[in-house]
N, C-alpha and C. Protein backbone atom coordinates (compact mmCIF):
# COMPACT_ATOMS: atom_id res chain seq x y z
N MET A 1 0.82 -1.20 0.00
CA MET A 1 0.00 0.00 0.00
C MET A 1 0.86 1.26 0.00
N PHE A 2 1.85 1.33 0.91
CA PHE A 2 2.72 2.50 0.96
C PHE A 2 4.00 2.20 0.21
N LYS A 3 4.45 3.14 -0.60
CA LYS A 3 5.72 2.98 -1.29
C LYS A 3 6.85 3.38 -0.34
N SER A 4 8.00 2.79 -0.51
CA SER A 4 9.14 3.18 0.32
C SER A 4 9.53 4.61 -0.03
N LEU A 5 10.18 5.29 0.90
CA LEU A 5 10.63 6.66 0.64
C LEU A 5 11.53 6.69 -0.58
N LYS A 6 12.41 5.70 -0.71
CA LYS A 6 13.31 5.67 -1.85
C LYS A 6 12.51 5.58 -3.14
N GLU A 7 11.57 4.65 -3.20
CA GLU A 7 10.78 4.45 -4.41
C GLU A 7 9.91 5.67 -4.72
N LYS A 8 9.36 6.26 -3.68
CA LYS A 8 8.41 7.36 -3.87
C LYS A 8 9.10 8.68 -4.21
N PHE A 9 10.24 8.95 -3.60
CA PHE A 9 10.81 10.29 -3.73
C PHE A 9 12.21 10.38 -4.32
N SER A 10 13.04 9.40 -4.16
CA SER A 10 14.44 9.56 -4.52
C SER A 10 14.78 9.07 -5.92
N LYS A 11 13.89 8.33 -6.54
CA LYS A 11 14.26 7.80 -7.85
C LYS A 11 13.96 8.80 -8.96
N LYS A 12 14.60 8.57 -10.10
CA LYS A 12 14.37 9.40 -11.28
C LYS A 12 12.96 9.10 -11.78
N ASN A 13 12.28 10.16 -12.21
CA ASN A 13 10.97 9.97 -12.83
C ASN A 13 10.91 10.83 -14.08
N ASP A 14 9.79 10.85 -14.77
CA ASP A 14 9.67 11.60 -16.01
C ASP A 14 9.89 13.10 -15.81
N GLU A 15 9.58 13.60 -14.63
CA GLU A 15 9.69 15.03 -14.37
C GLU A 15 11.07 15.41 -13.86
N GLY A 16 11.79 14.49 -13.29
CA GLY A 16 13.10 14.80 -12.72
C GLY A 16 13.36 14.00 -11.47
N ILE A 17 14.26 14.50 -10.68
CA ILE A 17 14.63 13.89 -9.41
C ILE A 17 14.23 14.88 -8.34
N PHE A 18 13.66 14.39 -7.26
CA PHE A 18 13.26 15.30 -6.19
C PHE A 18 14.18 15.18 -4.99
N VAL A 19 14.56 16.34 -4.45
CA VAL A 19 15.28 16.42 -3.19
C VAL A 19 14.23 16.75 -2.14
N LEU A 20 14.27 16.04 -1.03
CA LEU A 20 13.30 16.22 0.03
C LEU A 20 13.82 17.20 1.08
N SER A 21 12.93 17.73 1.86
CA SER A 21 13.33 18.69 2.88
C SER A 21 14.08 17.99 4.02
N PRO A 22 15.29 18.47 4.33
CA PRO A 22 16.03 17.88 5.44
C PRO A 22 15.61 18.45 6.80
N VAL A 23 14.85 19.55 6.78
CA VAL A 23 14.40 20.18 8.02
C VAL A 23 12.95 20.63 7.88
N GLU A 24 12.28 20.74 9.01
CA GLU A 24 10.93 21.28 9.03
C GLU A 24 11.03 22.79 9.22
N GLY A 25 10.21 23.53 8.50
CA GLY A 25 10.23 24.99 8.63
C GLY A 25 9.61 25.67 7.43
N GLU A 26 10.07 26.88 7.15
CA GLU A 26 9.55 27.67 6.03
C GLU A 26 10.56 27.70 4.89
N ALA A 27 10.18 27.14 3.75
CA ALA A 27 11.03 27.15 2.55
C ALA A 27 10.93 28.52 1.90
N VAL A 28 12.10 29.10 1.60
CA VAL A 28 12.17 30.44 0.99
C VAL A 28 13.17 30.42 -0.17
N PRO A 29 13.05 31.39 -1.09
CA PRO A 29 14.02 31.43 -2.19
C PRO A 29 15.43 31.72 -1.68
N MET A 30 16.41 31.16 -2.35
CA MET A 30 17.81 31.32 -1.95
C MET A 30 18.24 32.79 -1.98
N ASN A 31 17.65 33.58 -2.88
CA ASN A 31 18.10 34.97 -3.02
C ASN A 31 17.77 35.85 -1.81
N ILE A 32 17.00 35.36 -0.85
CA ILE A 32 16.75 36.17 0.35
C ILE A 32 17.73 35.86 1.48
N VAL A 33 18.58 34.86 1.30
CA VAL A 33 19.57 34.51 2.32
C VAL A 33 20.56 35.67 2.45
N ASN A 34 20.82 36.08 3.68
CA ASN A 34 21.66 37.24 3.96
C ASN A 34 23.16 36.89 3.91
N ASP A 35 23.55 36.29 2.79
CA ASP A 35 24.94 35.93 2.55
C ASP A 35 25.12 35.88 1.04
N PRO A 36 26.04 36.68 0.48
CA PRO A 36 26.15 36.75 -0.98
C PRO A 36 26.54 35.44 -1.65
N THR A 37 27.28 34.58 -0.98
CA THR A 37 27.67 33.30 -1.56
C THR A 37 26.44 32.43 -1.80
N PHE A 38 25.55 32.38 -0.82
CA PHE A 38 24.33 31.58 -0.96
C PHE A 38 23.32 32.30 -1.85
N ALA A 39 23.07 33.57 -1.57
CA ALA A 39 22.06 34.33 -2.33
C ALA A 39 22.40 34.39 -3.82
N GLY A 40 23.68 34.48 -4.14
CA GLY A 40 24.12 34.53 -5.52
C GLY A 40 24.27 33.16 -6.16
N GLU A 41 23.92 32.12 -5.42
CA GLU A 41 23.99 30.74 -5.90
C GLU A 41 25.37 30.38 -6.44
N MET A 42 26.41 30.90 -5.79
CA MET A 42 27.79 30.62 -6.20
C MET A 42 28.19 29.17 -5.98
N LEU A 43 27.56 28.51 -5.02
CA LEU A 43 27.87 27.11 -4.74
C LEU A 43 26.92 26.17 -5.47
N GLY A 44 25.88 26.73 -6.09
CA GLY A 44 24.87 25.95 -6.79
C GLY A 44 23.48 26.46 -6.47
N LYS A 45 22.50 25.94 -7.19
CA LYS A 45 21.11 26.34 -6.97
C LYS A 45 20.49 25.49 -5.87
N GLY A 46 19.44 26.03 -5.28
CA GLY A 46 18.75 25.30 -4.25
C GLY A 46 17.64 26.12 -3.64
N ILE A 47 17.40 25.87 -2.38
CA ILE A 47 16.36 26.56 -1.64
C ILE A 47 16.86 26.68 -0.20
N ALA A 48 16.32 27.62 0.53
CA ALA A 48 16.71 27.78 1.94
C ALA A 48 15.48 27.52 2.81
N ILE A 49 15.74 27.06 4.02
CA ILE A 49 14.65 26.79 4.95
C ILE A 49 14.94 27.48 6.27
N LYS A 50 13.93 28.18 6.77
CA LYS A 50 14.00 28.76 8.12
C LYS A 50 13.46 27.68 9.05
N PRO A 51 14.35 26.99 9.78
CA PRO A 51 13.92 25.83 10.58
C PRO A 51 12.97 26.19 11.71
N SER A 52 12.02 25.28 11.97
CA SER A 52 11.15 25.40 13.14
C SER A 52 11.44 24.27 14.12
N VAL A 53 12.26 23.30 13.69
CA VAL A 53 12.68 22.17 14.51
C VAL A 53 14.18 22.00 14.31
N GLY A 54 14.92 21.75 15.38
CA GLY A 54 16.38 21.68 15.31
C GLY A 54 16.93 20.31 14.98
N ARG A 55 16.52 19.76 13.85
CA ARG A 55 17.07 18.49 13.41
C ARG A 55 17.16 18.46 11.89
N VAL A 56 18.15 17.69 11.41
CA VAL A 56 18.38 17.52 9.97
C VAL A 56 18.31 16.03 9.67
N VAL A 57 17.49 15.68 8.67
CA VAL A 57 17.42 14.29 8.22
C VAL A 57 17.94 14.22 6.79
N ALA A 58 18.32 13.05 6.37
CA ALA A 58 18.81 12.86 5.00
C ALA A 58 17.68 13.16 4.02
N PRO A 59 17.94 14.05 3.04
CA PRO A 59 16.92 14.40 2.07
C PRO A 59 16.92 13.51 0.82
N ILE A 60 17.91 12.64 0.72
CA ILE A 60 18.04 11.71 -0.39
C ILE A 60 18.77 10.46 0.12
N ASP A 61 18.70 9.41 -0.66
CA ASP A 61 19.50 8.22 -0.38
C ASP A 61 20.90 8.48 -0.93
N GLY A 62 21.92 8.14 -0.17
CA GLY A 62 23.28 8.35 -0.66
C GLY A 62 24.32 8.11 0.40
N GLU A 63 25.43 8.82 0.26
CA GLU A 63 26.56 8.69 1.19
C GLU A 63 26.99 10.08 1.65
N ILE A 64 27.23 10.20 2.94
CA ILE A 64 27.76 11.46 3.47
C ILE A 64 29.21 11.55 3.03
N THR A 65 29.52 12.57 2.25
CA THR A 65 30.89 12.72 1.76
C THR A 65 31.71 13.62 2.67
N VAL A 66 31.07 14.60 3.30
CA VAL A 66 31.76 15.49 4.23
C VAL A 66 30.81 15.82 5.38
N LEU A 67 31.30 15.71 6.59
CA LEU A 67 30.61 16.26 7.75
C LEU A 67 31.65 17.15 8.41
N PHE A 68 31.43 18.45 8.33
CA PHE A 68 32.40 19.38 8.88
C PHE A 68 32.62 19.12 10.36
N GLU A 69 33.86 19.28 10.81
CA GLU A 69 34.20 19.06 12.21
C GLU A 69 33.33 19.91 13.13
N THR A 70 32.93 21.06 12.64
CA THR A 70 32.09 21.99 13.41
C THR A 70 30.61 21.60 13.37
N LYS A 71 30.26 20.58 12.62
CA LYS A 71 28.92 19.99 12.54
C LYS A 71 27.86 20.95 12.01
N HIS A 72 28.26 22.08 11.48
CA HIS A 72 27.28 23.06 10.97
C HIS A 72 26.87 22.80 9.53
N ALA A 73 27.56 21.89 8.85
CA ALA A 73 27.29 21.63 7.44
C ALA A 73 27.74 20.22 7.08
N LEU A 74 27.08 19.69 6.05
CA LEU A 74 27.47 18.38 5.54
C LEU A 74 27.11 18.29 4.07
N SER A 75 27.76 17.36 3.39
CA SER A 75 27.43 17.12 1.99
C SER A 75 27.11 15.65 1.81
N ILE A 76 26.22 15.40 0.85
CA ILE A 76 25.77 14.05 0.54
C ILE A 76 25.86 13.83 -0.96
N ALA A 77 26.45 12.71 -1.35
CA ALA A 77 26.44 12.29 -2.75
C ALA A 77 25.28 11.32 -2.89
N GLY A 78 24.26 11.74 -3.63
CA GLY A 78 23.06 10.92 -3.78
C GLY A 78 23.22 9.79 -4.75
N GLU A 79 22.52 8.69 -4.50
CA GLU A 79 22.49 7.58 -5.43
C GLU A 79 21.92 8.02 -6.77
N ASN A 80 21.15 9.11 -6.76
CA ASN A 80 20.50 9.63 -7.97
C ASN A 80 21.40 10.61 -8.74
N GLY A 81 22.65 10.79 -8.30
CA GLY A 81 23.59 11.67 -8.99
C GLY A 81 23.63 13.09 -8.46
N VAL A 82 22.75 13.44 -7.55
CA VAL A 82 22.71 14.78 -6.98
C VAL A 82 23.73 14.88 -5.84
N GLU A 83 24.52 15.97 -5.86
CA GLU A 83 25.46 16.25 -4.78
C GLU A 83 24.93 17.44 -4.00
N LEU A 84 24.61 17.23 -2.73
CA LEU A 84 23.97 18.25 -1.90
C LEU A 84 24.88 18.79 -0.81
N LEU A 85 24.69 20.06 -0.51
CA LEU A 85 25.28 20.68 0.67
C LEU A 85 24.13 21.18 1.52
N ILE A 86 24.14 20.83 2.80
CA ILE A 86 23.16 21.35 3.77
C ILE A 86 23.97 22.15 4.76
N HIS A 87 23.66 23.44 4.87
CA HIS A 87 24.45 24.36 5.69
C HIS A 87 23.53 25.00 6.73
N ILE A 88 23.69 24.62 7.99
CA ILE A 88 22.83 25.12 9.05
C ILE A 88 23.31 26.48 9.51
N GLY A 89 22.54 27.50 9.19
CA GLY A 89 22.83 28.85 9.64
C GLY A 89 23.90 29.56 8.85
N LEU A 90 24.07 30.83 9.20
CA LEU A 90 25.07 31.69 8.56
C LEU A 90 26.20 31.96 9.54
N ASP A 91 27.41 31.73 9.12
CA ASP A 91 28.61 31.93 9.95
C ASP A 91 28.65 31.05 11.19
N THR A 92 27.83 30.01 11.22
CA THR A 92 27.78 29.13 12.38
C THR A 92 29.04 28.28 12.53
N VAL A 93 29.90 28.30 11.54
CA VAL A 93 31.21 27.65 11.66
C VAL A 93 31.94 28.22 12.87
N ASN A 94 31.68 29.49 13.17
CA ASN A 94 32.34 30.16 14.29
C ASN A 94 31.96 29.58 15.65
N LEU A 95 30.88 28.81 15.72
CA LEU A 95 30.47 28.18 16.98
C LEU A 95 31.33 26.95 17.31
N LYS A 96 32.15 26.50 16.36
CA LYS A 96 33.08 25.40 16.56
C LYS A 96 32.42 24.13 17.09
N GLY A 97 31.20 23.88 16.60
CA GLY A 97 30.50 22.66 16.97
C GLY A 97 29.58 22.78 18.17
N GLU A 98 29.68 23.88 18.90
CA GLU A 98 28.82 24.06 20.06
C GLU A 98 27.37 24.17 19.61
N TYR A 99 26.47 23.50 20.30
CA TYR A 99 25.02 23.47 20.03
C TYR A 99 24.65 22.54 18.88
N PHE A 100 25.59 21.73 18.38
CA PHE A 100 25.31 20.77 17.32
C PHE A 100 25.65 19.37 17.81
N ILE A 101 24.83 18.39 17.43
CA ILE A 101 25.09 16.98 17.74
C ILE A 101 25.00 16.21 16.43
N ALA A 102 26.07 15.50 16.09
CA ALA A 102 26.08 14.68 14.87
C ALA A 102 25.61 13.27 15.19
N HIS A 103 24.76 12.74 14.32
CA HIS A 103 24.29 11.37 14.43
C HIS A 103 24.79 10.52 13.26
N ALA A 104 25.69 11.10 12.47
CA ALA A 104 26.26 10.41 11.32
C ALA A 104 27.67 10.93 11.12
N LYS A 105 28.40 10.28 10.20
CA LYS A 105 29.77 10.73 9.92
C LYS A 105 30.06 10.52 8.44
N ALA A 106 31.13 11.14 7.98
CA ALA A 106 31.54 10.98 6.58
C ALA A 106 31.74 9.50 6.29
N GLY A 107 31.25 9.07 5.15
CA GLY A 107 31.36 7.68 4.74
C GLY A 107 30.11 6.86 5.03
N ASP A 108 29.23 7.38 5.89
CA ASP A 108 28.00 6.66 6.20
C ASP A 108 27.07 6.63 4.99
N LYS A 109 26.47 5.48 4.73
CA LYS A 109 25.39 5.35 3.75
C LYS A 109 24.11 5.73 4.48
N VAL A 110 23.30 6.58 3.83
CA VAL A 110 22.07 7.05 4.47
C VAL A 110 20.88 6.85 3.54
N LYS A 111 19.73 6.74 4.14
CA LYS A 111 18.46 6.66 3.42
C LYS A 111 17.66 7.91 3.77
N ALA A 112 16.84 8.36 2.85
CA ALA A 112 16.00 9.53 3.10
C ALA A 112 15.25 9.33 4.41
N GLY A 113 15.34 10.32 5.30
CA GLY A 113 14.68 10.26 6.59
C GLY A 113 15.60 9.93 7.75
N ASP A 114 16.80 9.40 7.48
CA ASP A 114 17.73 9.09 8.57
C ASP A 114 18.15 10.37 9.28
N LEU A 115 18.17 10.35 10.62
CA LEU A 115 18.61 11.50 11.41
C LEU A 115 20.10 11.70 11.23
N LEU A 116 20.50 12.93 10.82
CA LEU A 116 21.91 13.24 10.60
C LEU A 116 22.48 14.16 11.68
N LEU A 117 21.74 15.22 12.01
CA LEU A 117 22.22 16.22 12.96
C LEU A 117 21.07 16.75 13.79
N GLU A 118 21.42 17.22 14.99
CA GLU A 118 20.48 18.01 15.80
C GLU A 118 21.20 19.29 16.18
N PHE A 119 20.44 20.36 16.34
CA PHE A 119 21.03 21.64 16.72
C PHE A 119 20.07 22.40 17.61
N ASP A 120 20.64 23.16 18.53
CA ASP A 120 19.85 23.92 19.50
C ASP A 120 19.56 25.30 18.90
N MET A 121 18.39 25.44 18.31
CA MET A 121 18.03 26.68 17.61
C MET A 121 18.07 27.89 18.55
N LYS A 122 17.55 27.71 19.75
CA LYS A 122 17.48 28.83 20.70
C LYS A 122 18.87 29.33 21.07
N LYS A 123 19.76 28.43 21.40
CA LYS A 123 21.11 28.84 21.81
C LYS A 123 21.91 29.42 20.65
N ILE A 124 21.71 28.88 19.45
CA ILE A 124 22.41 29.44 18.28
C ILE A 124 21.93 30.86 18.02
N ARG A 125 20.62 31.08 18.11
CA ARG A 125 20.08 32.45 17.94
C ARG A 125 20.58 33.37 19.05
N GLU A 126 20.59 32.87 20.29
CA GLU A 126 21.06 33.69 21.42
C GLU A 126 22.53 34.07 21.24
N ALA A 127 23.28 33.23 20.55
CA ALA A 127 24.69 33.53 20.28
C ALA A 127 24.83 34.53 19.13
N GLY A 128 23.70 34.93 18.52
CA GLY A 128 23.71 35.97 17.50
C GLY A 128 23.74 35.48 16.06
N TYR A 129 23.39 34.22 15.83
CA TYR A 129 23.47 33.66 14.48
C TYR A 129 22.08 33.42 13.89
N ASP A 130 21.99 33.63 12.58
CA ASP A 130 20.81 33.32 11.79
C ASP A 130 20.84 31.82 11.53
N ILE A 131 19.72 31.12 11.73
CA ILE A 131 19.72 29.67 11.54
C ILE A 131 19.14 29.24 10.18
N ILE A 132 18.91 30.19 9.29
CA ILE A 132 18.41 29.81 7.96
C ILE A 132 19.34 28.75 7.38
N THR A 133 18.76 27.75 6.72
CA THR A 133 19.51 26.57 6.29
C THR A 133 19.43 26.38 4.77
N PRO A 134 20.46 26.81 4.04
CA PRO A 134 20.50 26.55 2.60
C PRO A 134 20.67 25.06 2.30
N VAL A 135 19.92 24.61 1.29
CA VAL A 135 20.04 23.25 0.78
C VAL A 135 20.41 23.42 -0.70
N ILE A 136 21.63 23.05 -1.05
CA ILE A 136 22.20 23.41 -2.35
C ILE A 136 22.58 22.18 -3.16
N VAL A 137 22.21 22.19 -4.44
CA VAL A 137 22.67 21.17 -5.38
C VAL A 137 24.01 21.68 -5.92
N CYS A 138 25.10 21.13 -5.41
CA CYS A 138 26.44 21.63 -5.74
C CYS A 138 26.85 21.32 -7.18
N ASN A 139 26.30 20.28 -7.77
CA ASN A 139 26.63 19.94 -9.15
C ASN A 139 25.52 20.38 -10.11
N THR A 140 25.00 21.56 -9.86
CA THR A 140 23.92 22.15 -10.66
C THR A 140 24.19 22.07 -12.16
N LEU A 141 25.42 22.34 -12.57
CA LEU A 141 25.74 22.41 -14.00
C LEU A 141 25.64 21.07 -14.71
N GLU A 142 25.56 19.98 -13.96
CA GLU A 142 25.41 18.66 -14.56
C GLU A 142 23.97 18.34 -14.96
N PHE A 143 23.06 19.26 -14.63
CA PHE A 143 21.64 19.02 -14.89
C PHE A 143 21.05 20.09 -15.80
N ALA A 144 19.95 19.74 -16.46
CA ALA A 144 19.27 20.69 -17.35
C ALA A 144 18.64 21.82 -16.54
N ASP A 145 18.14 21.49 -15.33
CA ASP A 145 17.52 22.51 -14.49
C ASP A 145 17.50 22.04 -13.04
N VAL A 146 17.59 23.01 -12.14
CA VAL A 146 17.45 22.78 -10.71
C VAL A 146 16.55 23.90 -10.22
N LYS A 147 15.40 23.53 -9.66
CA LYS A 147 14.47 24.58 -9.23
C LYS A 147 13.75 24.17 -7.96
N GLY A 148 13.50 25.19 -7.14
CA GLY A 148 12.70 24.96 -5.95
C GLY A 148 11.31 24.56 -6.38
N SER A 149 10.75 23.54 -5.73
CA SER A 149 9.42 23.08 -6.13
C SER A 149 8.34 23.51 -5.17
N VAL A 150 8.72 24.17 -4.07
CA VAL A 150 7.73 24.61 -3.10
C VAL A 150 8.30 25.75 -2.27
N LEU A 151 7.43 26.67 -1.87
CA LEU A 151 7.77 27.71 -0.91
C LEU A 151 6.71 27.66 0.18
N GLY A 152 7.04 28.16 1.36
CA GLY A 152 6.10 28.12 2.48
C GLY A 152 6.46 26.99 3.44
N GLN A 153 5.51 26.64 4.28
CA GLN A 153 5.75 25.64 5.32
C GLN A 153 6.02 24.26 4.72
N VAL A 154 7.08 23.63 5.20
CA VAL A 154 7.42 22.27 4.79
C VAL A 154 7.72 21.43 6.02
N LYS A 155 7.43 20.17 5.89
CA LYS A 155 7.78 19.19 6.91
C LYS A 155 8.98 18.40 6.40
N GLU A 156 9.65 17.70 7.28
CA GLU A 156 10.73 16.82 6.85
C GLU A 156 10.21 15.90 5.75
N LEU A 157 11.00 15.74 4.70
CA LEU A 157 10.76 14.83 3.59
C LEU A 157 9.69 15.30 2.60
N ASP A 158 9.21 16.55 2.73
CA ASP A 158 8.40 17.13 1.66
C ASP A 158 9.33 17.41 0.48
N LYS A 159 8.82 17.31 -0.74
CA LYS A 159 9.61 17.63 -1.93
C LYS A 159 9.88 19.14 -1.93
N ILE A 160 11.18 19.53 -2.06
CA ILE A 160 11.50 20.95 -2.08
C ILE A 160 12.27 21.40 -3.32
N ILE A 161 13.00 20.49 -3.95
CA ILE A 161 13.81 20.84 -5.11
C ILE A 161 13.60 19.77 -6.18
N GLU A 162 13.38 20.24 -7.42
CA GLU A 162 13.30 19.32 -8.54
C GLU A 162 14.56 19.48 -9.38
N VAL A 163 15.21 18.37 -9.68
CA VAL A 163 16.42 18.35 -10.49
C VAL A 163 16.09 17.61 -11.79
N VAL A 164 16.29 18.28 -12.92
CA VAL A 164 15.94 17.71 -14.21
C VAL A 164 17.22 17.28 -14.92
N LYS A 165 17.27 16.00 -15.30
CA LYS A 165 18.44 15.47 -16.02
C LYS A 165 18.53 16.08 -17.42
N LYS A 166 19.76 16.17 -17.93
CA LYS A 166 19.96 16.68 -19.30
C LYS A 166 19.52 15.66 -20.31
């Protein structure tokens, strides 16, 4: 009756490949992120989410290729060919891992929905940091198109980005 998350969301279909939301919150266009690197899509196209819950789950099936020592960002190489960067907050690298808990590490194979990170939103904000979370397709140029598929409130694993193969 129910399709697996992999079958339902992570596989290629006629319309493209979908990246799911790694966090619950409000999906917004990347150009409103208060950082020129993200807003200018210098690292790739994607969407940003203003988190309402301090946890990150895998948005695709794949392998964690990098988990920064500071736990504020990670990258995933998807089985579907998509390379993602999830970056929690702006300048949060300066927190040196404080207020972040990793539940995965580089080299781990993950399935959509697996818990990867938790973060204390209140303490990060109190420390003066914006917690907006860019979700970026780093290999954008390998695809015909990468576009946000939804804006507004999203839950974990809602479709947020459509990636169209060339």
